[in-house]
Protein backbone atom coordinates (compact mmCIF):
# COMPACT_ATOMS: atom_id res chain seq x y z
CA MET A 1 94.66 147.76 106.40
CA HIS A 2 95.50 145.00 103.90
CA PHE A 3 94.78 141.42 105.05
CA ASN A 4 98.40 140.26 104.71
CA ASP A 5 99.53 143.15 106.92
CA VAL A 6 96.96 142.30 109.60
CA MET A 7 97.90 138.61 109.42
CA ARG A 8 101.59 139.44 109.78
CA GLU A 9 100.81 141.71 112.73
CA LEU A 10 98.80 138.96 114.40
CA ALA A 11 101.61 136.43 113.88
CA GLU A 12 104.09 138.86 115.40
CA LYS A 13 101.75 139.57 118.32
CA ILE A 14 101.49 135.91 119.22
CA GLY A 15 105.15 135.16 118.53
CA VAL A 16 105.07 132.74 115.62
CA GLY A 17 107.60 134.61 113.54
CA PRO A 18 107.42 136.01 110.04
CA LEU A 19 104.80 134.53 107.71
CA GLN A 20 105.54 133.37 104.20
CA PHE A 21 102.65 133.65 101.76
CA ASP A 22 102.69 131.27 98.78
CA ASP A 23 102.39 132.20 95.10
CA ASN A 24 98.59 132.35 95.41
CA GLY A 25 98.84 134.72 98.37
CA SER A 26 97.72 131.97 100.76
CA VAL A 27 99.13 131.14 104.14
CA ALA A 28 98.36 128.01 106.18
CA MET A 29 98.53 127.91 109.95
CA LEU A 30 98.28 125.04 112.38
CA PHE A 31 96.21 125.57 115.52
CA ASP A 32 96.53 123.40 118.62
CA ASN A 33 98.85 121.12 116.63
CA GLU A 34 95.72 119.59 115.06
CA HIS A 35 93.75 122.03 112.91
CA GLU A 36 95.22 123.48 109.75
CA ILE A 37 93.46 126.53 108.35
CA THR A 38 94.42 128.12 105.06
CA PHE A 39 93.76 131.81 104.48
CA THR A 40 93.54 133.05 100.89
CA PRO A 41 92.96 136.76 100.28
CA ASN A 42 91.45 137.97 97.02
CA PRO A 43 93.08 141.30 96.15
CA ASP A 44 90.40 142.10 93.56
CA ASP A 45 87.55 142.42 96.04
CA CYS A 46 89.30 142.47 99.46
CA SER A 47 87.64 139.19 100.49
CA VAL A 48 89.44 136.44 102.39
CA LEU A 49 88.65 132.73 102.17
CA PHE A 50 89.25 130.59 105.26
CA HIS A 51 89.23 126.83 104.64
CA ALA A 52 90.13 123.67 106.49
CA GLU A 53 90.02 119.98 105.65
CA LEU A 54 87.95 118.05 108.18
CA GLY A 55 88.89 114.53 107.16
CA PRO A 56 87.77 111.81 104.77
CA ALA A 57 84.37 112.27 103.18
CA PRO A 58 81.86 109.76 104.60
CA LEU A 59 80.48 108.91 101.17
CA HIS A 60 79.60 105.37 102.27
CA ASP A 61 77.54 106.63 105.22
CA GLY A 62 74.15 107.94 104.11
CA LYS A 63 73.31 109.42 107.54
CA ALA A 64 76.56 111.38 107.68
CA CYS A 65 76.09 112.66 104.12
CA LEU A 66 72.54 113.75 104.90
CA LYS A 67 73.75 115.53 108.05
CA LEU A 68 76.42 117.41 106.09
CA LEU A 69 74.03 118.37 103.33
CA THR A 70 71.32 119.48 105.73
CA ALA A 71 73.74 121.52 107.83
CA SER A 72 75.24 123.18 104.79
CA LEU A 73 71.86 124.06 103.32
CA LEU A 74 70.44 125.44 106.57
CA GLY A 75 73.59 127.36 107.49
CA ALA A 76 72.61 127.90 111.12
CA GLN A 77 74.33 124.67 112.15
CA THR A 78 77.58 125.74 110.57
CA GLY A 79 78.03 129.19 112.07
CA GLY A 80 77.85 130.77 108.64
CA THR A 81 80.45 128.46 107.16
CA ALA A 82 79.87 126.10 104.25
CA ILE A 83 80.70 122.44 103.85
CA ALA A 84 81.89 120.80 100.66
CA VAL A 85 83.53 117.59 99.54
CA HIS A 86 86.81 118.20 97.73
CA GLU A 87 86.56 115.58 94.99
CA ALA A 88 90.28 115.33 94.24
CA LEU A 89 91.23 114.97 97.91
CA GLY A 90 88.20 112.94 98.96
CA ASN A 91 87.96 115.11 102.07
CA VAL A 92 85.24 117.20 103.63
CA VAL A 93 86.22 120.87 103.58
CA LEU A 94 84.79 123.64 105.74
CA TRP A 95 85.10 127.15 104.33
CA LYS A 96 83.98 130.70 104.95
CA ARG A 97 84.37 133.77 102.81
CA HIS A 98 84.89 137.04 104.67
CA ASP A 99 83.95 140.07 102.61
CA GLU A 100 84.93 142.64 105.20
CA ASN A 101 88.37 144.11 105.66
CA PHE A 102 89.97 143.13 108.92
CA ALA A 103 90.80 146.48 110.45
CA ASP A 104 93.03 145.07 113.17
CA CYS A 105 94.36 141.94 114.87
CA ALA A 106 91.41 141.73 117.26
CA ALA A 107 88.88 141.48 114.42
CA LEU A 108 90.95 138.83 112.63
CA GLU A 109 91.50 136.89 115.85
CA GLN A 110 87.75 136.81 116.53
CA ALA A 111 87.03 135.56 113.00
CA ILE A 112 89.71 132.87 113.29
CA ASN A 113 88.39 131.71 116.66
CA ARG A 114 84.80 131.48 115.33
CA PHE A 115 85.99 129.47 112.33
CA LEU A 116 88.25 127.27 114.47
CA ALA A 117 85.30 126.47 116.76
CA GLN A 118 83.35 125.24 113.73
CA VAL A 119 86.33 123.19 112.50
CA ILE A 120 86.59 121.45 115.88
CA SER A 121 82.84 120.93 116.13
CA TRP A 122 82.56 119.38 112.67
CA LYS A 123 85.61 117.17 113.14
CA LYS A 124 83.91 115.78 116.25
CA GLN A 125 80.63 115.28 114.43
CA LEU A 126 82.38 113.46 111.59
CA GLY A 127 84.39 111.28 113.95
CA HIS A 128 87.71 112.96 113.15
CA ALA A 129 87.95 114.62 116.54
CA PRO A 130 91.37 115.36 117.98
CA HIS A 131 91.98 115.34 121.69
CA VAL A 132 91.70 119.16 122.03
CA ASP A 133 88.82 120.42 124.15
CA ASP A 134 86.72 123.24 122.66
CA ALA A 135 87.55 125.42 125.67
CA GLU A 136 91.27 125.01 125.00
CA ALA A 137 91.14 125.95 121.33
CA GLY A 138 91.82 129.38 119.96
CA LEU A 139 94.33 132.18 119.97
CA PRO A 140 96.84 132.89 121.27
CA SER A 141 97.59 129.93 123.56
CA GLY A 142 97.22 127.12 121.04
CA PHE A 143 98.45 128.97 117.98
CA HIS A 144 101.33 127.46 116.05
CA LEU A 145 102.67 128.24 112.62
CA LYS A 146 102.58 125.24 110.30
CA ALA A 147 106.06 123.88 109.84
């Protein structure tokens, strides 16, 4: 099944209404009213990029920069995601490329929840933590379409 179809099915399942993909094929969703994740499918190779801004880059804090660099290089501390600093935005960005096709809503939901857990974890580590508890995060209870 095509990613956009699975994403639309998931949105319908959890009651957020019809999704509108932008000109790049991306769609952004807001989880727990705090965590925006953008999903960008690549029709050429069936991959999907998940990404989320974590907050301002701690460029003035050597310890924080070292922690981000070490985590990104080792990978185990990021759950398979990668960390980058978006130069134009000045924000830390967490991203993950999924090369598999999402066969159904359950597979997509699991991938979103794993990524969302990393977003929340890294926001806490960077001091940009919202009030949402890790146990409360995820689909479908905290899922909201970005306005």
